[in-house]
Each structure stands twice: as structure tokens, then as C-alpha cells.
Amino acid sequence: MPKTIRMADIAARMGVSTVTVSKALSGKDGVSDEIREKIKLLADEMGYHYGTSTKKGPKDTGNIGILIPYGFVEKTKSFYWDMYEHVVNRLSTNGYFGILEMVRREDELQVAKPRVLQDGKIDGIILIGQAEPPYLKMLQNSELPVMFLDFYDAASGQNCVISDGYYGMYTVTNYLISMGHREIHFIGSIHSTSSISDRYFGYCRAMMEHSIPVTEEMVVPDRGEDGVMSIHLPEKLPTAYVCNCDMVAGNVINQLKKRGICVPEDISVVGFDDFMFPGLVQQDVTTYAVDMEGMARSCVESLLRKVRNSNYIPNLKIVSGRLVIRSSVRRI
């Protein structure tokens, strides 16, 4: 099967960012006409499919708005950029084009309607990453079909596609316990997002089933109130840390290294997602791999079914992943 060409592939060939490629192919401002034309020519040459809408009726635009809050996206490669590309590729195979709009924090707090919704040139919306409840309600109250990807909202749970954070973290924690660990602490701000809270409860279940009590001191926040990552490890360490994502695991490993503590010789560390920021850490981290392709497929299929049939009611979709064992854990 031929390789699916992604925006990241075009960006690498052009020597520009994925954001620049997205803007060029979607006709947005911020890219010179010369660069835009070069990107489009290269996209055609590489076999990238975009803007090929198979419209189902006179009101269809063939476009889907994709919203991502700024707080979830790094300036370069990140988990949510990968998720976005999976969504765009899945839309393309269905004859739709994804129009990206980043949601600024101030717009989210002020519940400002996104431009893609104001312009009236889209058939539906996919929000990747959790936003504030009033902002979610505003999207839900629009006349367009909406799907939420990678988080759960109790008020609109039928429109959500999430990874199996609960049983995924249960699986990872059980693996640590099978390797002899009982002093296992969790790193993550459990009230920050539904994904982190799901993973925390999965950790708690595994600990409970092995009669290991979880105390307040065993939970280490990973971010401040502003959402910026901030991890403060105690002087006395457990034998293992289970982190709510690989990015946190990488930062924890680097902090431990500065203190002269080696992974896994002195302490074991596991993560979640199977996505490490390039160059963050040299350690291969044991993790739970999220099925991004499966999540994107489920999300797009549900949304497009709703676009084509207004009576269709989506169900909450939970997409399982798999345990990936690497070198960051040792048996004790």
C-alpha cells in the first residue's frame, strides 16, 4: 500500500513548518504567493490530496472546520499536530477538506465564535483538545454537527472520541507492579483535563487491586493554573513514576538526570501516548500507545455521518491502544 502523504512530509521537503503548509493549502493569509504556489506544486507532485470535495447536496461546502486550543500545540511537532494530520488525511479520503483554526486563550475565555463558524463555509466542526465548558456549549449550540476529539464532555458525551485512558493507564500501572514495584507515584494535574483524570483513576484501580493505598503525597501535579508544565519532584522518591503522558515522562527523566539519578537503574518511569517531543530525552520510554489513526477515523466517520443525516446520534467512542515495553523500567 503506498504511503499516505502528510502535511509534515511536504513541510520537511520545503523546509517550512506544518503550519505554513496548512495555511498555503487552505488559502489562508500569512504565506507569500510565491511560497503558496511552490507548496501547492510540491503537494501535487507528492500525491497529497486536498480540496477534492465530493459534495452530497447543494448546501454542502465540502469543508470541515478543525479547532485546536493554542495551549495544546507546540511551535513545532507535537502530539496534537500528529492528531490533526490524521484527521485531515481521513477527511481527504472521504472527499472533504479540513480548515484549521487555532483557538486563542482569550477567545476561548470570551467565548468568541471561531472564524470558520462565522464564515459559513463549513459543514461541521472537530475540536481537538479540551476547551472551557462555555466555549464547548457555544459550539454545541451552533447549527452544525460537532465532534470532540481526545477529551470527554459530560454535557455532550455522545459527540466525543477518546483514547482508553482508564484501562490504558491501568495496564501500564499493572506492568510496573508485575515488575516488583509498589512505591508508584502518579504525575499529572488530575483536575486539568478529562484525559488526565481518566488516567489517574486507571492508576488508582490497579493500585487498589493490589492493596496498595494511594495517598495525596503520591500525586504530583504537572502544570500550574496557567496550564504551563511545572513539575516539582520531592526529595524522597518512589521506585517508579507513572506519568500522564510521554512529554511529562521526558521532563521527569531530565529532572532526575540533573540530580544524578538514572533511569531505570535508580528509578523506573513510564508514560502514555507513545509520542515524545523530538530531542527531549534520549531514554526509550515504556508507554501506552494511543491509536491516533483509529481515533481520527472514528471521529471523522461519526461527524460525516451526522453531516449527511441530521437524525443520526453519535455514541461515545473509546479507542483502545497497546502497551509498548521499552527500557525505562527495571525489575526490582
Protein backbone atom coordinates (compact mmCIF):
# COMPACT_ATOMS: atom_id res chain seq x y z
CA MET A 1 0.00 0.00 0.00
CA PRO A 2 1.51 3.41 -0.97
CA LYS A 3 2.45 5.73 1.87
CA THR A 4 -0.11 8.39 2.77
CA ILE A 5 1.43 11.80 2.20
CA ARG A 6 1.02 14.12 5.19
CA MET A 7 1.48 17.86 5.58
CA ALA A 8 4.58 17.12 7.68
CA ASP A 9 6.15 15.35 4.66
CA ILE A 10 5.55 18.38 2.46
CA ALA A 11 6.88 20.69 5.20
CA ALA A 12 10.07 18.62 5.52
CA ARG A 13 10.68 18.76 1.76
CA MET A 14 10.02 22.50 1.63
CA GLY A 15 11.96 23.32 4.79
CA VAL A 16 8.98 25.14 6.33
CA SER A 17 6.62 24.44 9.23
CA THR A 18 3.47 22.32 9.07
CA VAL A 19 1.50 25.49 9.91
CA THR A 20 2.85 27.19 6.78
CA VAL A 21 1.84 24.21 4.63
CA SER A 22 -1.64 24.19 6.19
CA LYS A 23 -2.11 27.91 5.53
CA ALA A 24 -0.87 27.58 1.96
CA LEU A 25 -3.18 24.70 1.07
CA SER A 26 -6.22 26.22 2.79
CA GLY A 27 -5.78 29.65 1.19
CA LYS A 28 -5.20 31.46 4.48
CA ASP A 29 -3.16 34.64 4.96
CA GLY A 30 0.39 34.58 6.33
CA VAL A 31 2.06 32.91 3.32
CA SER A 32 3.51 34.71 0.30
CA ASP A 33 2.03 33.91 -3.11
CA GLU A 34 5.39 32.50 -4.25
CA ILE A 35 5.68 30.07 -1.31
CA ARG A 36 2.00 29.15 -1.58
CA GLU A 37 2.41 28.20 -5.24
CA LYS A 38 5.56 26.17 -4.54
CA ILE A 39 3.82 24.28 -1.74
CA LYS A 40 0.80 23.51 -3.93
CA LEU A 41 3.01 22.29 -6.76
CA LEU A 42 5.01 20.09 -4.40
CA ALA A 43 1.82 18.75 -2.82
CA ASP A 44 0.54 17.75 -6.27
CA GLU A 45 3.89 16.20 -7.16
CA MET A 46 3.97 14.14 -3.94
CA GLY A 47 0.38 12.97 -4.38
CA TYR A 48 -1.16 14.84 -1.46
CA HIS A 49 -4.96 15.02 -1.74
CA TYR A 50 -6.60 18.27 -0.70
CA GLY A 51 -9.60 20.34 -1.61
CA THR A 52 -11.27 17.46 -3.50
CA SER A 53 -14.79 17.65 -2.19
CA THR A 54 -17.45 15.10 -3.09
CA LYS A 55 -20.49 17.18 -2.27
CA LYS A 56 -23.69 15.43 -1.31
CA GLY A 57 -26.12 18.26 -1.93
CA PRO A 58 -26.44 21.92 -2.93
CA LYS A 59 -25.76 23.17 0.62
CA ASP A 60 -22.58 21.14 1.19
CA THR A 61 -19.30 23.05 1.19
CA GLY A 62 -17.03 20.00 1.33
CA ASN A 63 -15.14 21.65 4.23
CA ILE A 64 -14.81 20.72 7.90
CA GLY A 65 -13.55 23.20 10.49
CA ILE A 66 -10.82 21.86 12.78
CA LEU A 67 -10.25 23.79 16.02
CA ILE A 68 -7.28 23.33 18.37
CA PRO A 69 -6.73 25.44 21.52
CA TYR A 70 -3.27 27.05 21.44
CA GLY A 71 -2.35 25.50 24.80
CA PHE A 72 -2.21 22.02 23.26
CA VAL A 73 0.09 22.82 20.36
CA GLU A 74 3.83 23.41 20.47
CA LYS A 75 5.58 25.67 17.95
CA THR A 76 6.93 22.57 16.20
CA LYS A 77 5.96 18.91 16.16
CA SER A 78 3.55 17.79 18.89
CA PHE A 79 1.00 15.09 19.71
CA TYR A 80 -1.88 17.28 18.57
CA TRP A 81 -0.20 18.20 15.28
CA ASP A 82 0.04 14.48 14.57
CA MET A 83 -3.61 14.00 15.55
CA TYR A 84 -4.60 16.92 13.30
CA GLU A 85 -2.79 15.38 10.32
CA HIS A 86 -4.53 12.04 10.87
CA VAL A 87 -7.87 13.87 10.86
CA VAL A 88 -7.04 15.84 7.69
CA ASN A 89 -5.92 12.68 5.88
CA ARG A 90 -9.08 10.84 6.93
CA LEU A 91 -11.23 13.76 5.74
CA SER A 92 -9.37 13.77 2.44
CA THR A 93 -10.08 10.08 1.81
CA ASN A 94 -13.76 10.93 2.29
CA GLY A 95 -13.63 13.83 -0.16
CA TYR A 96 -13.59 16.62 2.43
CA PHE A 97 -11.05 19.32 3.21
CA GLY A 98 -10.08 20.31 6.77
CA ILE A 99 -9.75 24.03 7.56
CA LEU A 100 -7.58 24.62 10.64
CA GLU A 101 -8.16 27.43 13.13
CA MET A 102 -6.13 27.82 16.32
CA VAL A 103 -8.23 28.95 19.29
CA ARG A 104 -6.54 31.71 21.27
CA ARG A 105 -6.89 31.54 25.04
CA GLU A 106 -8.60 34.93 25.22
CA ASP A 107 -11.12 33.91 22.55
CA GLU A 108 -11.84 30.71 24.44
CA LEU A 109 -12.44 32.59 27.72
CA GLN A 110 -14.56 35.23 25.99
CA VAL A 111 -16.50 32.51 24.14
CA ALA A 112 -15.72 34.18 20.82
CA LYS A 113 -17.20 32.40 17.83
CA PRO A 114 -14.42 30.99 15.59
CA ARG A 115 -14.00 32.50 12.13
CA VAL A 116 -14.67 29.19 10.38
CA LEU A 117 -18.08 29.18 12.04
CA GLN A 118 -18.78 32.83 11.21
CA ASP A 119 -17.87 32.45 7.54
CA GLY A 120 -20.48 29.75 6.97
CA LYS A 121 -18.21 27.78 4.65
CA ILE A 122 -18.02 24.52 6.62
CA ASP A 123 -20.32 21.52 7.10
CA GLY A 124 -19.18 20.55 10.59
CA ILE A 125 -16.61 21.10 13.35
CA ILE A 126 -13.98 18.92 15.04
CA LEU A 127 -12.45 20.27 18.25
CA ILE A 128 -9.15 18.58 19.14
CA GLY A 129 -8.22 19.07 22.80
CA GLN A 130 -10.35 20.19 25.72
CA ALA A 131 -11.69 23.75 25.96
CA GLU A 132 -13.61 25.62 28.67
CA PRO A 133 -17.26 24.49 29.21
CA PRO A 134 -18.86 27.77 27.96
CA TYR A 135 -16.84 27.50 24.74
CA LEU A 136 -17.94 23.90 24.28
CA LYS A 137 -21.56 24.91 24.83
CA MET A 138 -21.24 27.65 22.21
CA LEU A 139 -20.02 25.11 19.67
CA GLN A 140 -22.77 22.68 20.62
CA ASN A 141 -25.41 25.40 20.19
CA SER A 142 -24.34 26.09 16.62
CA GLU A 143 -26.46 24.54 13.89
CA LEU A 144 -23.55 22.46 12.62
CA PRO A 145 -22.59 18.92 13.67
CA VAL A 146 -19.72 18.93 16.20
CA MET A 147 -17.32 16.21 17.36
CA PHE A 148 -14.88 16.47 20.27
CA LEU A 149 -11.64 14.54 19.86
CA ASP A 150 -9.36 13.32 22.69
CA PHE A 151 -11.48 14.51 25.61
CA TYR A 152 -14.85 13.76 27.16
CA ASP A 153 -17.50 16.33 27.97
CA ALA A 154 -20.35 15.09 30.18
CA ALA A 155 -22.83 17.56 28.69
CA SER A 156 -22.26 16.22 25.16
CA GLY A 157 -20.68 12.82 25.68
CA GLN A 158 -22.29 11.32 22.60
CA ASN A 159 -20.14 13.58 20.41
CA CYS A 160 -16.76 12.51 21.84
CA VAL A 161 -13.98 10.20 20.68
CA ILE A 162 -11.32 9.42 23.29
CA SER A 163 -8.42 7.06 23.85
CA ASP A 164 -8.81 4.40 26.52
CA GLY A 165 -7.07 6.42 29.21
CA TYR A 166 -8.64 4.47 32.07
CA TYR A 167 -7.73 0.92 31.06
CA GLY A 168 -4.59 2.12 29.29
CA MET A 169 -3.11 3.55 32.49
CA TYR A 170 -4.47 0.55 34.42
CA THR A 171 -2.44 -1.64 32.06
CA VAL A 172 0.74 0.44 32.42
CA THR A 173 0.48 0.53 36.22
CA ASN A 174 -0.14 -3.21 36.38
CA TYR A 175 3.02 -3.71 34.33
CA LEU A 176 5.03 -1.76 36.92
CA ILE A 177 3.51 -3.85 39.71
CA SER A 178 4.36 -7.06 37.82
CA MET A 179 7.98 -5.83 37.73
CA GLY A 180 8.00 -5.71 41.54
CA HIS A 181 7.17 -2.04 42.12
CA ARG A 182 4.81 -0.98 44.90
CA GLU A 183 6.03 2.57 45.58
CA ILE A 184 4.47 4.02 42.43
CA HIS A 185 3.56 7.71 42.24
CA PHE A 186 1.36 9.41 39.63
CA ILE A 187 2.38 12.62 37.86
CA GLY A 188 -0.42 14.74 36.42
CA SER A 189 -2.79 17.55 37.37
CA ILE A 190 -5.88 15.39 37.74
CA HIS A 191 -8.42 18.24 37.54
CA SER A 192 -6.87 19.77 34.43
CA THR A 193 -8.44 17.61 31.71
CA SER A 194 -10.75 14.62 31.48
CA SER A 195 -7.92 12.63 29.85
CA ILE A 196 -5.64 13.08 32.86
CA SER A 197 -8.39 12.26 35.34
CA ASP A 198 -9.27 9.08 33.42
CA ARG A 199 -5.62 8.02 33.53
CA TYR A 200 -5.39 8.79 37.25
CA PHE A 201 -8.41 6.62 38.03
CA GLY A 202 -6.95 3.79 35.95
CA TYR A 203 -3.77 4.06 38.04
CA CYS A 204 -5.84 4.04 41.24
CA ARG A 205 -7.73 0.91 40.20
CA ALA A 206 -4.53 -1.03 39.53
CA MET A 207 -3.09 0.07 42.87
CA MET A 208 -6.33 -0.78 44.71
CA GLU A 209 -6.49 -4.28 43.20
CA HIS A 210 -3.05 -4.97 44.66
CA SER A 211 -3.97 -3.48 48.06
CA ILE A 212 -1.63 -0.52 47.61
CA PRO A 213 -3.20 2.64 49.11
CA VAL A 214 -2.91 5.89 47.13
CA THR A 215 -2.31 8.95 49.30
CA GLU A 216 -2.28 12.66 48.43
CA GLU A 217 1.53 12.71 48.59
CA MET A 218 1.67 10.12 45.80
CA VAL A 219 0.12 12.50 43.25
CA VAL A 220 2.42 15.16 41.76
CA PRO A 221 0.86 17.99 39.66
CA ASP A 222 2.44 18.54 36.25
CA ARG A 223 1.27 22.11 35.49
CA GLY A 224 0.29 25.40 37.07
CA GLU A 225 -3.05 27.21 36.86
CA ASP A 226 -1.89 28.79 33.59
CA GLY A 227 -1.56 25.33 32.03
CA VAL A 228 2.23 25.62 31.63
CA MET A 229 4.16 22.48 32.54
CA SER A 230 5.70 22.74 36.00
CA ILE A 231 6.84 19.60 37.86
CA HIS A 232 8.38 19.65 41.34
CA LEU A 233 9.70 16.26 42.41
CA PRO A 234 10.12 15.61 46.15
CA GLU A 235 13.48 14.79 47.73
CA LYS A 236 12.34 11.31 48.72
CA LEU A 237 11.50 9.41 45.56
CA PRO A 238 9.39 6.28 44.94
CA THR A 239 10.71 3.32 42.96
CA ALA A 240 8.60 4.29 39.94
CA TYR A 241 6.71 7.21 38.39
CA VAL A 242 3.69 6.72 36.15
CA CYS A 243 3.26 9.88 34.06
CA ASN A 244 0.05 11.04 32.39
CA CYS A 245 1.86 11.48 29.06
CA ASP A 246 5.24 10.88 27.45
CA MET A 247 6.08 14.60 27.40
CA VAL A 248 5.81 14.64 31.19
CA ALA A 249 7.84 11.42 31.41
CA GLY A 250 10.61 13.00 29.33
CA ASN A 251 10.73 16.09 31.55
CA VAL A 252 10.78 13.91 34.68
CA ILE A 253 13.68 11.86 33.32
CA ASN A 254 15.64 15.04 32.58
CA GLN A 255 14.99 16.38 36.10
CA LEU A 256 16.16 13.11 37.62
CA LYS A 257 19.27 13.14 35.45
CA LYS A 258 20.21 16.61 36.75
CA ARG A 259 20.03 15.16 40.27
CA GLY A 260 22.33 12.31 39.28
CA ILE A 261 19.50 9.75 39.32
CA CYS A 262 19.50 7.23 36.49
CA VAL A 263 16.51 5.63 34.72
CA PRO A 264 15.88 2.72 35.06
CA GLU A 265 18.83 1.81 37.33
CA ASP A 266 17.68 4.03 40.23
CA ILE A 267 14.04 4.64 39.37
CA SER A 268 11.58 3.48 36.69
CA VAL A 269 9.45 5.88 34.62
CA VAL A 270 6.51 5.14 32.29
CA GLY A 271 4.41 7.45 30.14
CA PHE A 272 1.30 7.49 27.95
CA ASP A 273 0.53 8.33 24.28
CA ASP A 274 3.68 6.90 22.61
CA PHE A 275 4.60 10.38 21.46
CA MET A 276 7.84 12.00 22.62
CA PHE A 277 8.77 15.55 21.63
CA PRO A 278 11.77 15.17 19.26
CA GLY A 279 15.08 15.63 21.08
CA LEU A 280 13.51 15.97 24.54
CA VAL A 281 15.14 12.89 26.03
CA GLN A 282 17.43 10.05 24.93
CA GLN A 283 15.69 7.40 27.04
CA ASP A 284 13.31 4.96 25.34
CA VAL A 285 10.19 5.21 27.50
CA THR A 286 7.76 2.40 28.27
CA THR A 287 4.30 3.72 27.42
CA TYR A 288 0.75 3.05 26.25
CA ALA A 289 0.46 3.76 22.53
CA VAL A 290 -2.64 5.73 21.56
CA ASP A 291 -4.23 4.67 18.27
CA MET A 292 -4.36 8.12 16.66
CA GLU A 293 -5.35 6.73 13.27
CA GLY A 294 -8.24 4.80 14.82
CA MET A 295 -9.39 7.85 16.79
CA ALA A 296 -9.27 10.11 13.72
CA ARG A 297 -11.14 7.54 11.64
CA SER A 298 -13.88 7.11 14.24
CA CYS A 299 -14.23 10.87 14.74
CA VAL A 300 -14.44 11.71 11.03
CA GLU A 301 -16.82 8.84 10.24
CA SER A 302 -19.20 9.91 13.03
CA LEU A 303 -19.10 13.57 12.01
CA LEU A 304 -19.66 12.91 8.31
CA ARG A 305 -22.50 10.53 9.08
CA LYS A 306 -24.09 13.34 11.09
CA VAL A 307 -23.45 15.81 8.25
CA ARG A 308 -25.26 13.54 5.81
CA ASN A 309 -28.05 12.52 8.20
CA SER A 310 -29.27 15.10 10.72
CA ASN A 311 -31.19 12.40 12.61
CA TYR A 312 -28.06 10.39 13.35
CA ILE A 313 -26.98 10.45 17.02
CA PRO A 314 -23.31 9.54 17.59
CA ASN A 315 -22.18 7.38 20.51
CA LEU A 316 -19.20 7.94 22.78
CA LYS A 317 -16.29 6.18 21.08
CA ILE A 318 -13.43 4.80 23.20
CA VAL A 319 -10.47 3.65 21.10
CA SER A 320 -8.05 1.19 22.72
CA GLY A 321 -4.27 1.27 22.25
CA ARG A 322 -1.49 -1.06 23.37
CA LEU A 323 1.30 -1.39 25.92
CA VAL A 324 4.76 -0.68 24.50
CA ILE A 325 7.61 -2.02 26.67
CA ARG A 326 10.93 -0.22 26.37
CA SER A 327 14.00 0.38 28.53
CA SER A 328 12.73 2.80 31.20
CA VAL A 329 11.57 0.10 33.63
CA ARG A 330 13.61 -2.46 35.56
CA ARG A 331 12.52 -5.35 37.73
CA ILE A 332 13.16 -4.95 41.47
